[in-house]
Each structure stands twice: as C-alpha cells, then as structure tokens.
ModelCIF file with pLDDT and N, C-alpha, C, O atoms, coordinates in Angstrom:
data_MODEL
#
_entry.id   MODEL 
#
_entity.id                         1 
_entity.type                       polymer 
_entity.pdbx_number_of_molecules   1 
#
_entity_poly.entity_id                      1 
_entity_poly.type                           'polypeptide(L)' 
_entity_poly.nstd_linkage                   no 
_entity_poly.nstd_monomer                   no 
_entity_poly.pdbx_seq_one_letter_code       IHAKRLMHRAVHVLLFNSEGEIYLQKRSMEKDAAPGKWDSSASG 
_entity_poly.pdbx_seq_one_letter_code_can   IHAKRLMHRAVHVLLFNSEGEIYLQKRSMEKDAAPGKWDSSASG 
_entity_poly.pdbx_strand_id                 A 
#
loop_
_entity_poly_seq.entity_id 
_entity_poly_seq.num 
_entity_poly_seq.mon_id 
_entity_poly_seq.hetero 
1 1  ILE n 
1 2  HIS n 
1 3  ALA n 
1 4  LYS n 
1 5  ARG n 
1 6  LEU n 
1 7  MET n 
1 8  HIS n 
1 9  ARG n 
1 10 ALA n 
1 11 VAL n 
1 12 HIS n 
1 13 VAL n 
1 14 LEU n 
1 15 LEU n 
1 16 PHE n 
1 17 ASN n 
1 18 SER n 
1 19 GLU n 
1 20 GLY n 
1 21 GLU n 
1 22 ILE n 
1 23 TYR n 
1 24 LEU n 
1 25 GLN n 
1 26 LYS n 
1 27 ARG n 
1 28 SER n 
1 29 MET n 
1 30 GLU n 
1 31 LYS n 
1 32 ASP n 
1 33 ALA n 
1 34 ALA n 
1 35 PRO n 
1 36 GLY n 
1 37 LYS n 
1 38 TRP n 
1 39 ASP n 
1 40 SER n 
1 41 SER n 
1 42 ALA n 
1 43 SER n 
1 44 GLY n 
#
_struct_asym.id          A 
_struct_asym.entity_id   1 
#
loop_
_ma_qa_metric.id 
_ma_qa_metric.mode 
_ma_qa_metric.name 
_ma_qa_metric.software_group_id 
_ma_qa_metric.type 
1 global pLDDT . pLDDT 
2 local  pLDDT . pLDDT 
#
_ma_qa_metric_global.metric_id      1 
_ma_qa_metric_global.metric_value   95.30 
_ma_qa_metric_global.model_id       1 
_ma_qa_metric_global.ordinal_id     1 
#
loop_
_ma_qa_metric_local.label_asym_id 
_ma_qa_metric_local.label_comp_id 
_ma_qa_metric_local.label_seq_id 
_ma_qa_metric_local.metric_id 
_ma_qa_metric_local.metric_value 
_ma_qa_metric_local.model_id 
_ma_qa_metric_local.ordinal_id 
A ILE 1  2 96.00 1 1  
A HIS 2  2 92.00 1 2  
A ALA 3  2 93.00 1 3  
A LYS 4  2 96.00 1 4  
A ARG 5  2 95.00 1 5  
A LEU 6  2 97.00 1 6  
A MET 7  2 98.00 1 7  
A HIS 8  2 98.00 1 8  
A ARG 9  2 98.00 1 9  
A ALA 10 2 98.00 1 10 
A VAL 11 2 98.00 1 11 
A HIS 12 2 98.00 1 12 
A VAL 13 2 98.00 1 13 
A LEU 14 2 98.00 1 14 
A LEU 15 2 97.00 1 15 
A PHE 16 2 97.00 1 16 
A ASN 17 2 96.00 1 17 
A SER 18 2 96.00 1 18 
A GLU 19 2 97.00 1 19 
A GLY 20 2 98.00 1 20 
A GLU 21 2 98.00 1 21 
A ILE 22 2 98.00 1 22 
A TYR 23 2 98.00 1 23 
A LEU 24 2 98.00 1 24 
A GLN 25 2 98.00 1 25 
A LYS 26 2 97.00 1 26 
A ARG 27 2 96.00 1 27 
A SER 28 2 92.00 1 28 
A MET 29 2 92.00 1 29 
A GLU 30 2 86.00 1 30 
A LYS 31 2 86.00 1 31 
A ASP 32 2 80.00 1 32 
A ALA 33 2 85.00 1 33 
A ALA 34 2 91.00 1 34 
A PRO 35 2 93.00 1 35 
A GLY 36 2 95.00 1 36 
A LYS 37 2 97.00 1 37 
A TRP 38 2 98.00 1 38 
A ASP 39 2 98.00 1 39 
A SER 40 2 98.00 1 40 
A SER 41 2 97.00 1 41 
A ALA 42 2 97.00 1 42 
A SER 43 2 96.00 1 43 
A GLY 44 2 95.00 1 44 
#
loop_
_atom_site.group_PDB 
_atom_site.id 
_atom_site.type_symbol 
_atom_site.label_atom_id 
_atom_site.label_alt_id 
_atom_site.label_comp_id 
_atom_site.label_asym_id 
_atom_site.label_entity_id 
_atom_site.label_seq_id 
_atom_site.pdbx_PDB_ins_code 
_atom_site.Cartn_x 
_atom_site.Cartn_y 
_atom_site.Cartn_z 
_atom_site.occupancy 
_atom_site.B_iso_or_equiv 
_atom_site.pdbx_formal_charge 
_atom_site.auth_seq_id 
_atom_site.auth_comp_id 
_atom_site.auth_asym_id 
_atom_site.auth_atom_id 
_atom_site.pdbx_PDB_model_num 
ATOM 1   N N  . ILE A 1 1  ? 0.838  -1.212 0.000  1.00 96.00 ? 1  ILE A N  1 
ATOM 2   C CA . ILE A 1 1  ? 0.000  0.000  0.000  1.00 96.00 ? 1  ILE A CA 1 
ATOM 3   C C  . ILE A 1 1  ? 0.864  1.250  0.000  1.00 96.00 ? 1  ILE A C  1 
ATOM 4   O O  . ILE A 1 1  ? 0.631  2.171  -0.783 1.00 96.00 ? 1  ILE A O  1 
ATOM 5   N N  . HIS A 1 2  ? 1.854  1.286  0.869  1.00 92.00 ? 2  HIS A N  1 
ATOM 6   C CA . HIS A 1 2  ? 2.718  2.462  0.946  1.00 92.00 ? 2  HIS A CA 1 
ATOM 7   C C  . HIS A 1 2  ? 3.602  2.589  -0.289 1.00 92.00 ? 2  HIS A C  1 
ATOM 8   O O  . HIS A 1 2  ? 3.794  3.694  -0.796 1.00 92.00 ? 2  HIS A O  1 
ATOM 9   N N  . ALA A 1 3  ? 4.142  1.480  -0.779 1.00 93.00 ? 3  ALA A N  1 
ATOM 10  C CA . ALA A 1 3  ? 5.023  1.532  -1.954 1.00 93.00 ? 3  ALA A CA 1 
ATOM 11  C C  . ALA A 1 3  ? 4.277  1.996  -3.201 1.00 93.00 ? 3  ALA A C  1 
ATOM 12  O O  . ALA A 1 3  ? 4.818  2.753  -4.007 1.00 93.00 ? 3  ALA A O  1 
ATOM 13  N N  . LYS A 1 4  ? 3.037  1.544  -3.358 1.00 96.00 ? 4  LYS A N  1 
ATOM 14  C CA . LYS A 1 4  ? 2.248  1.893  -4.549 1.00 96.00 ? 4  LYS A CA 1 
ATOM 15  C C  . LYS A 1 4  ? 1.383  3.126  -4.330 1.00 96.00 ? 4  LYS A C  1 
ATOM 16  O O  . LYS A 1 4  ? 0.674  3.560  -5.238 1.00 96.00 ? 4  LYS A O  1 
ATOM 17  N N  . ARG A 1 5  ? 1.441  3.697  -3.110 1.00 95.00 ? 5  ARG A N  1 
ATOM 18  C CA . ARG A 1 5  ? 0.665  4.890  -2.766 1.00 95.00 ? 5  ARG A CA 1 
ATOM 19  C C  . ARG A 1 5  ? -0.830 4.677  -2.999 1.00 95.00 ? 5  ARG A C  1 
ATOM 20  O O  . ARG A 1 5  ? -1.513 5.522  -3.577 1.00 95.00 ? 5  ARG A O  1 
ATOM 21  N N  . LEU A 1 6  ? -1.323 3.520  -2.531 1.00 97.00 ? 6  LEU A N  1 
ATOM 22  C CA . LEU A 1 6  ? -2.745 3.202  -2.634 1.00 97.00 ? 6  LEU A CA 1 
ATOM 23  C C  . LEU A 1 6  ? -3.505 3.921  -1.520 1.00 97.00 ? 6  LEU A C  1 
ATOM 24  O O  . LEU A 1 6  ? -2.977 4.126  -0.428 1.00 97.00 ? 6  LEU A O  1 
ATOM 25  N N  . MET A 1 7  ? -4.743 4.297  -1.807 1.00 98.00 ? 7  MET A N  1 
ATOM 26  C CA . MET A 1 7  ? -5.553 4.974  -0.796 1.00 98.00 ? 7  MET A CA 1 
ATOM 27  C C  . MET A 1 7  ? -5.995 3.979  0.274  1.00 98.00 ? 7  MET A C  1 
ATOM 28  O O  . MET A 1 7  ? -6.399 2.854  -0.019 1.00 98.00 ? 7  MET A O  1 
ATOM 29  N N  . HIS A 1 8  ? -5.904 4.434  1.531  1.00 98.00 ? 8  HIS A N  1 
ATOM 30  C CA . HIS A 1 8  ? -6.294 3.613  2.668  1.00 98.00 ? 8  HIS A CA 1 
ATOM 31  C C  . HIS A 1 8  ? -6.777 4.529  3.788  1.00 98.00 ? 8  HIS A C  1 
ATOM 32  O O  . HIS A 1 8  ? -6.974 5.723  3.561  1.00 98.00 ? 8  HIS A O  1 
ATOM 33  N N  . ARG A 1 9  ? -6.969 3.996  4.984  1.00 98.00 ? 9  ARG A N  1 
ATOM 34  C CA . ARG A 1 9  ? -7.597 4.757  6.069  1.00 98.00 ? 9  ARG A CA 1 
ATOM 35  C C  . ARG A 1 9  ? -6.700 4.869  7.295  1.00 98.00 ? 9  ARG A C  1 
ATOM 36  O O  . ARG A 1 9  ? -5.896 3.985  7.592  1.00 98.00 ? 9  ARG A O  1 
ATOM 37  N N  . ALA A 1 10 ? -6.868 6.002  8.002  1.00 98.00 ? 10 ALA A N  1 
ATOM 38  C CA . ALA A 1 10 ? -6.129 6.231  9.244  1.00 98.00 ? 10 ALA A CA 1 
ATOM 39  C C  . ALA A 1 10 ? -6.945 7.121  10.182 1.00 98.00 ? 10 ALA A C  1 
ATOM 40  O O  . ALA A 1 10 ? -7.933 7.740  9.786  1.00 98.00 ? 10 ALA A O  1 
ATOM 41  N N  . VAL A 1 11 ? -6.501 7.163  11.428 1.00 98.00 ? 11 VAL A N  1 
ATOM 42  C CA . VAL A 1 11 ? -7.099 8.056  12.425 1.00 98.00 ? 11 VAL A CA 1 
ATOM 43  C C  . VAL A 1 11 ? -5.997 8.839  13.123 1.00 98.00 ? 11 VAL A C  1 
ATOM 44  O O  . VAL A 1 11 ? -4.858 8.383  13.229 1.00 98.00 ? 11 VAL A O  1 
ATOM 45  N N  . HIS A 1 12 ? -6.357 10.019 13.595 1.00 98.00 ? 12 HIS A N  1 
ATOM 46  C CA . HIS A 1 12 ? -5.505 10.827 14.462 1.00 98.00 ? 12 HIS A CA 1 
ATOM 47  C C  . HIS A 1 12 ? -6.366 11.257 15.637 1.00 98.00 ? 12 HIS A C  1 
ATOM 48  O O  . HIS A 1 12 ? -7.500 11.699 15.453 1.00 98.00 ? 12 HIS A O  1 
ATOM 49  N N  . VAL A 1 13 ? -5.829 11.128 16.846 1.00 98.00 ? 13 VAL A N  1 
ATOM 50  C CA . VAL A 1 13 ? -6.537 11.523 18.061 1.00 98.00 ? 13 VAL A CA 1 
ATOM 51  C C  . VAL A 1 13 ? -5.753 12.638 18.738 1.00 98.00 ? 13 VAL A C  1 
ATOM 52  O O  . VAL A 1 13 ? -4.546 12.525 18.953 1.00 98.00 ? 13 VAL A O  1 
ATOM 53  N N  . LEU A 1 14 ? -6.459 13.722 19.070 1.00 98.00 ? 14 LEU A N  1 
ATOM 54  C CA . LEU A 1 14 ? -5.884 14.845 19.807 1.00 98.00 ? 14 LEU A CA 1 
ATOM 55  C C  . LEU A 1 14 ? -6.377 14.738 21.248 1.00 98.00 ? 14 LEU A C  1 
ATOM 56  O O  . LEU A 1 14 ? -7.567 14.905 21.519 1.00 98.00 ? 14 LEU A O  1 
ATOM 57  N N  . LEU A 1 15 ? -5.458 14.461 22.164 1.00 97.00 ? 15 LEU A N  1 
ATOM 58  C CA . LEU A 1 15 ? -5.778 14.274 23.579 1.00 97.00 ? 15 LEU A CA 1 
ATOM 59  C C  . LEU A 1 15 ? -5.447 15.553 24.340 1.00 97.00 ? 15 LEU A C  1 
ATOM 60  O O  . LEU A 1 15 ? -4.305 16.011 24.336 1.00 97.00 ? 15 LEU A O  1 
ATOM 61  N N  . PHE A 1 16 ? -6.458 16.124 24.994 1.00 97.00 ? 16 PHE A N  1 
ATOM 62  C CA . PHE A 1 16 ? -6.291 17.333 25.794 1.00 97.00 ? 16 PHE A CA 1 
ATOM 63  C C  . PHE A 1 16 ? -6.536 16.998 27.261 1.00 97.00 ? 16 PHE A C  1 
ATOM 64  O O  . PHE A 1 16 ? -7.285 16.076 27.584 1.00 97.00 ? 16 PHE A O  1 
ATOM 65  N N  . ASN A 1 17 ? -5.886 17.770 28.153 1.00 96.00 ? 17 ASN A N  1 
ATOM 66  C CA . ASN A 1 17 ? -6.157 17.627 29.583 1.00 96.00 ? 17 ASN A CA 1 
ATOM 67  C C  . ASN A 1 17 ? -6.999 18.812 30.058 1.00 96.00 ? 17 ASN A C  1 
ATOM 68  O O  . ASN A 1 17 ? -7.307 19.711 29.276 1.00 96.00 ? 17 ASN A O  1 
ATOM 69  N N  . SER A 1 18 ? -7.365 18.810 31.329 1.00 96.00 ? 18 SER A N  1 
ATOM 70  C CA . SER A 1 18 ? -8.236 19.866 31.868 1.00 96.00 ? 18 SER A CA 1 
ATOM 71  C C  . SER A 1 18 ? -7.545 21.225 31.935 1.00 96.00 ? 18 SER A C  1 
ATOM 72  O O  . SER A 1 18 ? -8.205 22.247 32.124 1.00 96.00 ? 18 SER A O  1 
ATOM 73  N N  . GLU A 1 19 ? -6.223 21.243 31.783 1.00 97.00 ? 19 GLU A N  1 
ATOM 74  C CA . GLU A 1 19 ? -5.481 22.506 31.756 1.00 97.00 ? 19 GLU A CA 1 
ATOM 75  C C  . GLU A 1 19 ? -5.501 23.133 30.357 1.00 97.00 ? 19 GLU A C  1 
ATOM 76  O O  . GLU A 1 19 ? -5.043 24.260 30.169 1.00 97.00 ? 19 GLU A O  1 
ATOM 77  N N  . GLY A 1 20 ? -6.034 22.393 29.379 1.00 98.00 ? 20 GLY A N  1 
ATOM 78  C CA . GLY A 1 20 ? -6.081 22.889 28.001 1.00 98.00 ? 20 GLY A CA 1 
ATOM 79  C C  . GLY A 1 20 ? -4.883 22.496 27.168 1.00 98.00 ? 20 GLY A C  1 
ATOM 80  O O  . GLY A 1 20 ? -4.764 22.908 26.014 1.00 98.00 ? 20 GLY A O  1 
ATOM 81  N N  . GLU A 1 21 ? -3.979 21.691 27.749 1.00 98.00 ? 21 GLU A N  1 
ATOM 82  C CA . GLU A 1 21 ? -2.790 21.257 27.015 1.00 98.00 ? 21 GLU A CA 1 
ATOM 83  C C  . GLU A 1 21 ? -3.136 20.066 26.122 1.00 98.00 ? 21 GLU A C  1 
ATOM 84  O O  . GLU A 1 21 ? -4.034 19.280 26.424 1.00 98.00 ? 21 GLU A O  1 
ATOM 85  N N  . ILE A 1 22 ? -2.396 19.955 25.007 1.00 98.00 ? 22 ILE A N  1 
ATOM 86  C CA . ILE A 1 22 ? -2.500 18.796 24.134 1.00 98.00 ? 22 ILE A CA 1 
ATOM 87  C C  . ILE A 1 22 ? -1.265 17.927 24.346 1.00 98.00 ? 22 ILE A C  1 
ATOM 88  O O  . ILE A 1 22 ? -0.159 18.429 24.546 1.00 98.00 ? 22 ILE A O  1 
ATOM 89  N N  . TYR A 1 23 ? -1.477 16.612 24.297 1.00 98.00 ? 23 TYR A N  1 
ATOM 90  C CA . TYR A 1 23 ? -0.367 15.679 24.409 1.00 98.00 ? 23 TYR A CA 1 
ATOM 91  C C  . TYR A 1 23 ? 0.161  15.370 23.016 1.00 98.00 ? 23 TYR A C  1 
ATOM 92  O O  . TYR A 1 23 ? -0.602 15.003 22.122 1.00 98.00 ? 23 TYR A O  1 
ATOM 93  N N  . LEU A 1 24 ? 1.471  15.521 22.834 1.00 98.00 ? 24 LEU A N  1 
ATOM 94  C CA . LEU A 1 24 ? 2.126  15.172 21.575 1.00 98.00 ? 24 LEU A CA 1 
ATOM 95  C C  . LEU A 1 24 ? 3.024  13.974 21.794 1.00 98.00 ? 24 LEU A C  1 
ATOM 96  O O  . LEU A 1 24 ? 3.634  13.829 22.854 1.00 98.00 ? 24 LEU A O  1 
ATOM 97  N N  . GLN A 1 25 ? 3.103  13.120 20.796 1.00 98.00 ? 25 GLN A N  1 
ATOM 98  C CA . GLN A 1 25 ? 4.041  12.003 20.833 1.00 98.00 ? 25 GLN A CA 1 
ATOM 99  C C  . GLN A 1 25 ? 5.155  12.250 19.830 1.00 98.00 ? 25 GLN A C  1 
ATOM 100 O O  . GLN A 1 25 ? 4.940  12.823 18.762 1.00 98.00 ? 25 GLN A O  1 
ATOM 101 N N  . LYS A 1 26 ? 6.347  11.806 20.196 1.00 97.00 ? 26 LYS A N  1 
ATOM 102 C CA . LYS A 1 26 ? 7.470  11.800 19.259 1.00 97.00 ? 26 LYS A CA 1 
ATOM 103 C C  . LYS A 1 26 ? 7.607  10.364 18.778 1.00 97.00 ? 26 LYS A C  1 
ATOM 104 O O  . LYS A 1 26 ? 7.882  9.451  19.556 1.00 97.00 ? 26 LYS A O  1 
ATOM 105 N N  . ARG A 1 27 ? 7.410  10.189 17.486 1.00 96.00 ? 27 ARG A N  1 
ATOM 106 C CA . ARG A 1 27 ? 7.371  8.856  16.902 1.00 96.00 ? 27 ARG A CA 1 
ATOM 107 C C  . ARG A 1 27 ? 8.696  8.119  17.074 1.00 96.00 ? 27 ARG A C  1 
ATOM 108 O O  . ARG A 1 27 ? 9.774  8.703  16.966 1.00 96.00 ? 27 ARG A O  1 
ATOM 109 N N  . SER A 1 28 ? 8.583  6.830  17.344 1.00 92.00 ? 28 SER A N  1 
ATOM 110 C CA . SER A 1 28 ? 9.751  5.974  17.497 1.00 92.00 ? 28 SER A CA 1 
ATOM 111 C C  . SER A 1 28 ? 10.589 5.973  16.222 1.00 92.00 ? 28 SER A C  1 
ATOM 112 O O  . SER A 1 28 ? 10.072 6.176  15.123 1.00 92.00 ? 28 SER A O  1 
ATOM 113 N N  . MET A 1 29 ? 11.874 5.746  16.382 1.00 92.00 ? 29 MET A N  1 
ATOM 114 C CA . MET A 1 29 ? 12.758 5.623  15.220 1.00 92.00 ? 29 MET A CA 1 
ATOM 115 C C  . MET A 1 29 ? 12.502 4.309  14.481 1.00 92.00 ? 29 MET A C  1 
ATOM 116 O O  . MET A 1 29 ? 13.009 4.114  13.376 1.00 92.00 ? 29 MET A O  1 
ATOM 117 N N  . GLU A 1 30 ? 11.712 3.400  15.085 1.00 86.00 ? 30 GLU A N  1 
ATOM 118 C CA . GLU A 1 30 ? 11.346 2.141  14.440 1.00 86.00 ? 30 GLU A CA 1 
ATOM 119 C C  . GLU A 1 30 ? 10.226 2.313  13.424 1.00 86.00 ? 30 GLU A C  1 
ATOM 120 O O  . GLU A 1 30 ? 9.969  1.398  12.642 1.00 86.00 ? 30 GLU A O  1 
ATOM 121 N N  . LYS A 1 31 ? 9.548  3.467  13.413 1.00 86.00 ? 31 LYS A N  1 
ATOM 122 C CA . LYS A 1 31 ? 8.414  3.695  12.530 1.00 86.00 ? 31 LYS A CA 1 
ATOM 123 C C  . LYS A 1 31 ? 8.879  3.773  11.079 1.00 86.00 ? 31 LYS A C  1 
ATOM 124 O O  . LYS A 1 31 ? 9.967  4.269  10.788 1.00 86.00 ? 31 LYS A O  1 
ATOM 125 N N  . ASP A 1 32 ? 8.037  3.277  10.174 1.00 80.00 ? 32 ASP A N  1 
ATOM 126 C CA . ASP A 1 32 ? 8.397  3.302  8.752  1.00 80.00 ? 32 ASP A CA 1 
ATOM 127 C C  . ASP A 1 32 ? 8.070  4.631  8.084  1.00 80.00 ? 32 ASP A C  1 
ATOM 128 O O  . ASP A 1 32 ? 8.542  4.901  6.980  1.00 80.00 ? 32 ASP A O  1 
ATOM 129 N N  . ALA A 1 33 ? 7.271  5.458  8.740  1.00 85.00 ? 33 ALA A N  1 
ATOM 130 C CA . ALA A 1 33 ? 6.935  6.781  8.208  1.00 85.00 ? 33 ALA A CA 1 
ATOM 131 C C  . ALA A 1 33 ? 7.186  7.826  9.299  1.00 85.00 ? 33 ALA A C  1 
ATOM 132 O O  . ALA A 1 33 ? 6.779  7.641  10.446 1.00 85.00 ? 33 ALA A O  1 
ATOM 133 N N  . ALA A 1 34 ? 7.842  8.901  8.944  1.00 91.00 ? 34 ALA A N  1 
ATOM 134 C CA . ALA A 1 34 ? 8.114  10.026 9.845  1.00 91.00 ? 34 ALA A CA 1 
ATOM 135 C C  . ALA A 1 34 ? 8.749  9.616  11.182 1.00 91.00 ? 34 ALA A C  1 
ATOM 136 O O  . ALA A 1 34 ? 8.310  10.079 12.234 1.00 91.00 ? 34 ALA A O  1 
ATOM 137 N N  . PRO A 1 35 ? 9.770  8.759  11.153 1.00 93.00 ? 35 PRO A N  1 
ATOM 138 C CA . PRO A 1 35 ? 10.413 8.380  12.416 1.00 93.00 ? 35 PRO A CA 1 
ATOM 139 C C  . PRO A 1 35 ? 11.042 9.599  13.093 1.00 93.00 ? 35 PRO A C  1 
ATOM 140 O O  . PRO A 1 35 ? 11.641 10.448 12.432 1.00 93.00 ? 35 PRO A O  1 
ATOM 141 N N  . GLY A 1 36 ? 10.900 9.675  14.411 1.00 95.00 ? 36 GLY A N  1 
ATOM 142 C CA . GLY A 1 36 ? 11.506 10.758 15.179 1.00 95.00 ? 36 GLY A CA 1 
ATOM 143 C C  . GLY A 1 36 ? 10.800 12.095 15.062 1.00 95.00 ? 36 GLY A C  1 
ATOM 144 O O  . GLY A 1 36 ? 11.297 13.099 15.573 1.00 95.00 ? 36 GLY A O  1 
ATOM 145 N N  . LYS A 1 37 ? 9.656  12.132 14.403 1.00 97.00 ? 37 LYS A N  1 
ATOM 146 C CA . LYS A 1 37 ? 8.903  13.390 14.251 1.00 97.00 ? 37 LYS A CA 1 
ATOM 147 C C  . LYS A 1 37 ? 7.816  13.472 15.315 1.00 97.00 ? 37 LYS A C  1 
ATOM 148 O O  . LYS A 1 37 ? 7.311  12.449 15.778 1.00 97.00 ? 37 LYS A O  1 
ATOM 149 N N  . TRP A 1 38 ? 7.457  14.702 15.702 1.00 98.00 ? 38 TRP A N  1 
ATOM 150 C CA . TRP A 1 38 ? 6.358  14.930 16.628 1.00 98.00 ? 38 TRP A CA 1 
ATOM 151 C C  . TRP A 1 38 ? 5.058  14.751 15.876 1.00 98.00 ? 38 TRP A C  1 
ATOM 152 O O  . TRP A 1 38 ? 4.951  15.113 14.704 1.00 98.00 ? 38 TRP A O  1 
ATOM 153 N N  . ASP A 1 39 ? 4.061  14.185 16.561 1.00 98.00 ? 39 ASP A N  1 
ATOM 154 C CA . ASP A 1 39 ? 2.818  13.787 15.896 1.00 98.00 ? 39 ASP A CA 1 
ATOM 155 C C  . ASP A 1 39 ? 1.639  13.946 16.854 1.00 98.00 ? 39 ASP A C  1 
ATOM 156 O O  . ASP A 1 39 ? 1.797  14.339 18.010 1.00 98.00 ? 39 ASP A O  1 
ATOM 157 N N  . SER A 1 40 ? 0.460  13.630 16.337 1.00 98.00 ? 40 SER A N  1 
ATOM 158 C CA . SER A 1 40 ? -0.767 13.634 17.135 1.00 98.00 ? 40 SER A CA 1 
ATOM 159 C C  . SER A 1 40 ? -0.584 12.767 18.380 1.00 98.00 ? 40 SER A C  1 
ATOM 160 O O  . SER A 1 40 ? 0.338  11.954 18.453 1.00 98.00 ? 40 SER A O  1 
ATOM 161 N N  . SER A 1 41 ? -1.458 12.946 19.338 1.00 97.00 ? 41 SER A N  1 
ATOM 162 C CA . SER A 1 41 ? -1.394 12.173 20.578 1.00 97.00 ? 41 SER A CA 1 
ATOM 163 C C  . SER A 1 41 ? -1.354 10.685 20.293 1.00 97.00 ? 41 SER A C  1 
ATOM 164 O O  . SER A 1 41 ? -0.545 9.958  20.869 1.00 97.00 ? 41 SER A O  1 
ATOM 165 N N  . ALA A 1 42 ? -2.226 10.230 19.405 1.00 97.00 ? 42 ALA A N  1 
ATOM 166 C CA . ALA A 1 42 ? -2.265 8.832  18.971 1.00 97.00 ? 42 ALA A CA 1 
ATOM 167 C C  . ALA A 1 42 ? -2.729 8.811  17.527 1.00 97.00 ? 42 ALA A C  1 
ATOM 168 O O  . ALA A 1 42 ? -3.554 9.630  17.121 1.00 97.00 ? 42 ALA A O  1 
ATOM 169 N N  . SER A 1 43 ? -2.203 7.879  16.754 1.00 96.00 ? 43 SER A N  1 
ATOM 170 C CA . SER A 1 43 ? -2.613 7.777  15.353 1.00 96.00 ? 43 SER A CA 1 
ATOM 171 C C  . SER A 1 43 ? -2.297 6.379  14.851 1.00 96.00 ? 43 SER A C  1 
ATOM 172 O O  . SER A 1 43 ? -1.482 5.660  15.430 1.00 96.00 ? 43 SER A O  1 
ATOM 173 N N  . GLY A 1 44 ? -2.952 6.012  13.774 1.00 95.00 ? 44 GLY A N  1 
ATOM 174 C CA . GLY A 1 44 ? -2.673 4.714  13.191 1.00 95.00 ? 44 GLY A CA 1 
ATOM 175 C C  . GLY A 1 44 ? -3.637 4.359  12.085 1.00 95.00 ? 44 GLY A C  1 
ATOM 176 O O  . GLY A 1 44 ? -3.528 3.285  11.492 1.00 95.00 ? 44 GLY A O  1 
#
C-alpha cells in the first residue's frame, strides 16, 4: 500500500487535559513513516 501509494484509512486523536494542554508524541525511530517526528497524541 505504501510503496504503490494506494488509498487507505487512518485516524488521528488529539488528547487534551483539563489545563487545556495537548499531548504530543514523538514517533519511534522504528516507525516506517516520519520516524523521530512529533505527531498527534495517537494515530494509526
């Protein structure tokens, strides 16, 4: 799918706390896309 750039589906979740802050994750270097980049709270 990724090699042929076929259309597929994903989700992104923005997690906020009661202080109004958003949680960001820094993607693992093991990830095949955007390793080491800051991203949504959760995605997949």
